[in-house]
Amino acid sequence: MLIKYSKIVIVLFIINTAKGQTLKTKNTIVDSKTKIPLEYANISNKTDNTITNKDGQFIFLSKEKDINISHIGYETLHTTFEEIEKKDTIFMTANTIALDEVKINNPTTLLNEVYKNVWKIYPLEPYNEDLFLRCLLKKEDKIVRVQDISGKIWRNTFYPKKSIDEIKYGLEILNLRKVELSERKKIPYIQFPSYKTLFLWFSTIILKPKEYVFTEVPSNDLQYRKIEFVKNDENKDCLPEKGYYLIDKNEKAIKEVAYEIVEYYKNSPYSRGGSSKLKTTGLTLFIMFNKDIKKNKYYIGNAYLKNSFEIVTDQVKSNYEATYDLVTTNSFTNKIVKKNFPENKDLFKANFSYSEEFWSSQNQLPLTNELKQFLKSVVEKKNKTKEYEIIGNF
């Protein structure tokens, strides 16, 4: 089934529920000057939150009428469902910072404080969260597979400590939709990682200071200090290779971390599987943290992992890109997690029934224009069974 979204117009739905009214709105957020869509803008209030997708689009549901829209480097908007209903597009204004307001300091002292703070402000005890995960596979820059998962996750800690030898996870998949479109040729099956592998990547935030050169650079938000890092010449094999931290000045907490690994993979060998061979060519990671005021703890608000690789089959090389978008929809919940999928299994092997009722009303990461085109092509080719193979549950 294709989920249809209207063009950039505001539609306000009021759904009667037993406990009151749930408000629903959708819109697009762009930079007021460049008109470029803003990805990962946060839309929230006291009880609910969501983020914008790659096209700057969002869907937001809540019983609270107030809405806050924020994005690092931009002025926060305080609005309501009623006000958003009047707008065709939401424009965010970038912060204006005078050069004399930006002070560049030696980052070493700050980083030492931040690393010590990890043991205080990030959850090191078991906790549960609600999540939304989108897994996407592209071949030669064209989508060939998409998988969306809505569920709950349990973990024994966010970051390992001395008393814990291993981070453990438990995932309960509540709703799933997936589809893959491939040509009926001699092509290898491409695995998605396990959710344990993904979440271990999303917990990688601390570097060994002696292996990197840290430099503070101007930040476009006075609340934060931006520190870039690059591996030093003496540690050519350390990972990651370069990236940045965005650190809250007052909290001494990591708000964002991003890094990439490219050079390391250039000299790495191919791994063989059947008649094909595979080689990773790059990895990019981005993690944004939010703070739970009641718990006084930071948690992953949203995270993104991109893995680029090439596959050679019958001397023909194809370039692939797999991306994984995570959104924490509720943090530190009291909901029981009933694990129903193995932590070390390929995520695309998950098989659960498709719920039209759920997917027609869920409000995390609306389908991008690119995804809509992909699903349209699946519908167009569903009867061409000699040329194409379709795997999915909807």
Foldseek 3Di string as FASTA:
>chain_A
DFQDDDPLAWDWDWDDDPVGTKIKIKHFEAAPPPRQTDWQWWKDDPAWIATEHNRRMFMDIDPDFWIWTGDFQWDIDIDGSVVVNVDSHHHIYGFDDDPVLWDWDDCPVLVVLLVVCCVPFAWAAKFKFWKKKWKWKDWPNATFKIKIFTWMKIWGGLDDDPVDPDIDMFIDTDAMWMKGKDWPDPDDDDFAFFVLVVSVVQSPDDDDVVQKDKTWDTGSHSQWTKIKIAGDPVCVQDPDGIWIFIAGPPSSYTQKTKTKHAPNQVPDDWDDDPQKTKGWGMKIKMWGWDADPVVSHIDTQKMKMKTWMWMAHPNDIMIMIMMMIMGGTGTRDPDDGDGDDDRGHGPVPDDDAHDPVDVNDDIYHPQDPSRSVVVVVCVVCVPVVNTMDMDIRD
